[in-house]
């Protein structure tokens, strides 16, 4: 005779904790890469790079610097000095690795 235990609630709880940690780690990684690619003149743009996590997402970007959009896309007088797009496009494999590593923690 076999007895079975329902471990699904514990699994879901652990998965939710791992998801929050994965999003936090992706945010930290993304903020570091934004700082690496940010053009620095006065340092104001770079000081506003940050991340925010929510339910099932992480938002990495520049908050509170009005001219960040002009740096990213340029104007008719100035060429673009992108810093958000290189962070997203050049590091997709690293971001995927961080997510997978964190989601696997505590699972067997």
Protein backbone atom coordinates (compact mmCIF):
# COMPACT_ATOMS: atom_id res chain seq x y z
CA UNK A 1 0.00 0.00 0.00
CA UNK A 2 1.36 3.40 -1.02
CA UNK A 3 0.54 6.71 0.56
CA UNK A 4 0.94 9.94 -1.34
CA UNK A 5 1.53 13.39 0.07
CA UNK A 6 0.32 16.46 -1.73
CA UNK A 7 3.37 18.71 -2.03
CA UNK A 8 1.88 21.03 -4.62
CA UNK A 9 1.17 23.89 -2.15
CA UNK A 10 4.77 23.85 -0.88
CA UNK A 11 6.04 23.73 -4.47
CA UNK A 12 3.94 26.74 -5.48
CA UNK A 13 5.06 28.71 -2.41
CA UNK A 14 8.73 27.98 -3.15
CA UNK A 15 8.26 28.86 -6.82
CA UNK A 16 6.71 32.22 -5.91
CA UNK A 17 9.62 33.03 -3.58
CA UNK A 18 12.08 32.04 -6.30
CA UNK A 19 10.26 34.20 -8.84
CA UNK A 20 10.53 37.29 -6.62
CA UNK A 21 14.23 36.65 -6.05
CA UNK A 22 14.83 36.07 -9.78
CA UNK A 23 13.16 39.36 -10.67
CA UNK A 24 15.21 41.17 -8.03
CA UNK A 25 18.46 39.65 -9.35
CA UNK A 26 17.55 40.57 -12.95
CA UNK A 27 16.84 44.13 -11.78
CA UNK A 28 20.21 44.40 -10.04
CA UNK A 29 21.99 42.99 -13.09
CA UNK A 30 20.10 45.30 -15.45
CA UNK A 31 20.83 48.38 -13.35
CA UNK A 32 24.56 47.56 -13.39
CA UNK A 33 24.52 47.20 -17.17
CA UNK A 34 22.54 50.45 -17.59
CA UNK A 35 25.19 52.22 -15.55
CA UNK A 36 27.88 50.68 -17.75
CA UNK A 37 26.28 51.93 -20.99
CA UNK A 38 25.04 55.31 -19.71
CA UNK A 39 26.76 58.35 -21.17
CA UNK A 40 28.30 60.41 -18.36
CA UNK A 41 28.64 64.15 -18.45
CA UNK A 42 27.37 65.35 -15.09
CA UNK A 43 26.33 61.94 -13.75
CA UNK A 44 22.68 62.93 -13.34
CA UNK A 45 21.43 60.49 -15.99
CA UNK A 46 23.43 57.64 -14.52
CA UNK A 47 22.22 58.39 -10.99
CA UNK A 48 18.59 57.92 -12.07
CA UNK A 49 19.02 54.35 -13.41
CA UNK A 50 16.97 51.96 -11.29
CA UNK A 51 14.67 48.96 -11.40
CA UNK A 52 11.19 48.24 -10.08
CA UNK A 53 9.64 44.84 -9.57
CA UNK A 54 5.97 44.00 -9.63
CA UNK A 55 3.79 40.95 -9.98
CA UNK A 56 5.56 38.78 -12.56
CA UNK A 57 7.66 41.57 -14.13
CA UNK A 58 10.75 43.71 -13.64
CA UNK A 59 11.04 47.21 -15.09
CA UNK A 60 14.60 48.39 -15.64
CA UNK A 61 15.04 51.94 -16.80
CA UNK A 62 15.75 55.55 -16.08
CA UNK A 63 13.36 57.32 -13.71
CA UNK A 64 13.35 61.06 -13.18
CA UNK A 65 15.71 62.25 -15.90
CA UNK A 66 13.75 64.19 -18.49
CA UNK A 67 16.42 64.07 -21.18
CA UNK A 68 17.04 60.28 -21.03
CA UNK A 69 14.72 59.74 -23.99
CA UNK A 70 16.81 62.12 -26.10
CA UNK A 71 20.01 60.29 -25.14
CA UNK A 72 18.42 56.99 -26.09
CA UNK A 73 16.91 57.96 -29.44
CA UNK A 74 18.70 61.20 -30.36
CA UNK A 75 17.29 64.40 -31.81
CA UNK A 76 17.56 66.11 -35.15
CA UNK A 77 20.65 67.93 -33.83
CA UNK A 78 22.33 65.02 -32.04
CA UNK A 79 22.83 61.34 -32.71
CA UNK A 80 21.59 58.74 -30.24
CA UNK A 81 23.74 57.50 -27.38
CA UNK A 82 21.70 54.42 -26.54
CA UNK A 83 22.05 52.86 -23.12
CA UNK A 84 18.77 51.00 -22.56
CA UNK A 85 18.68 49.03 -25.81
CA UNK A 86 22.23 47.63 -25.49
CA UNK A 87 21.38 46.50 -21.97
CA UNK A 88 18.34 44.62 -23.22
CA UNK A 89 19.68 43.22 -26.48
CA UNK A 90 23.27 42.36 -25.55
CA UNK A 91 22.49 40.49 -22.35
CA UNK A 92 19.43 38.34 -23.05
CA UNK A 93 21.38 35.12 -22.42
CA UNK A 94 22.68 36.42 -19.09
CA UNK A 95 19.20 37.46 -18.02
CA UNK A 96 17.78 34.05 -18.99
CA UNK A 97 20.56 32.33 -17.02
CA UNK A 98 19.79 34.43 -13.92
CA UNK A 99 16.09 33.58 -14.13
CA UNK A 100 16.64 29.84 -14.61
CA UNK A 101 19.23 29.66 -11.82
CA UNK A 102 16.98 31.43 -9.34
CA UNK A 103 13.84 29.49 -10.25
CA UNK A 104 15.63 26.17 -9.65
CA UNK A 105 16.73 27.05 -6.10
CA UNK A 106 15.20 24.76 -3.50
CA UNK A 107 13.51 22.54 -6.07
CA UNK A 108 14.10 18.81 -6.39
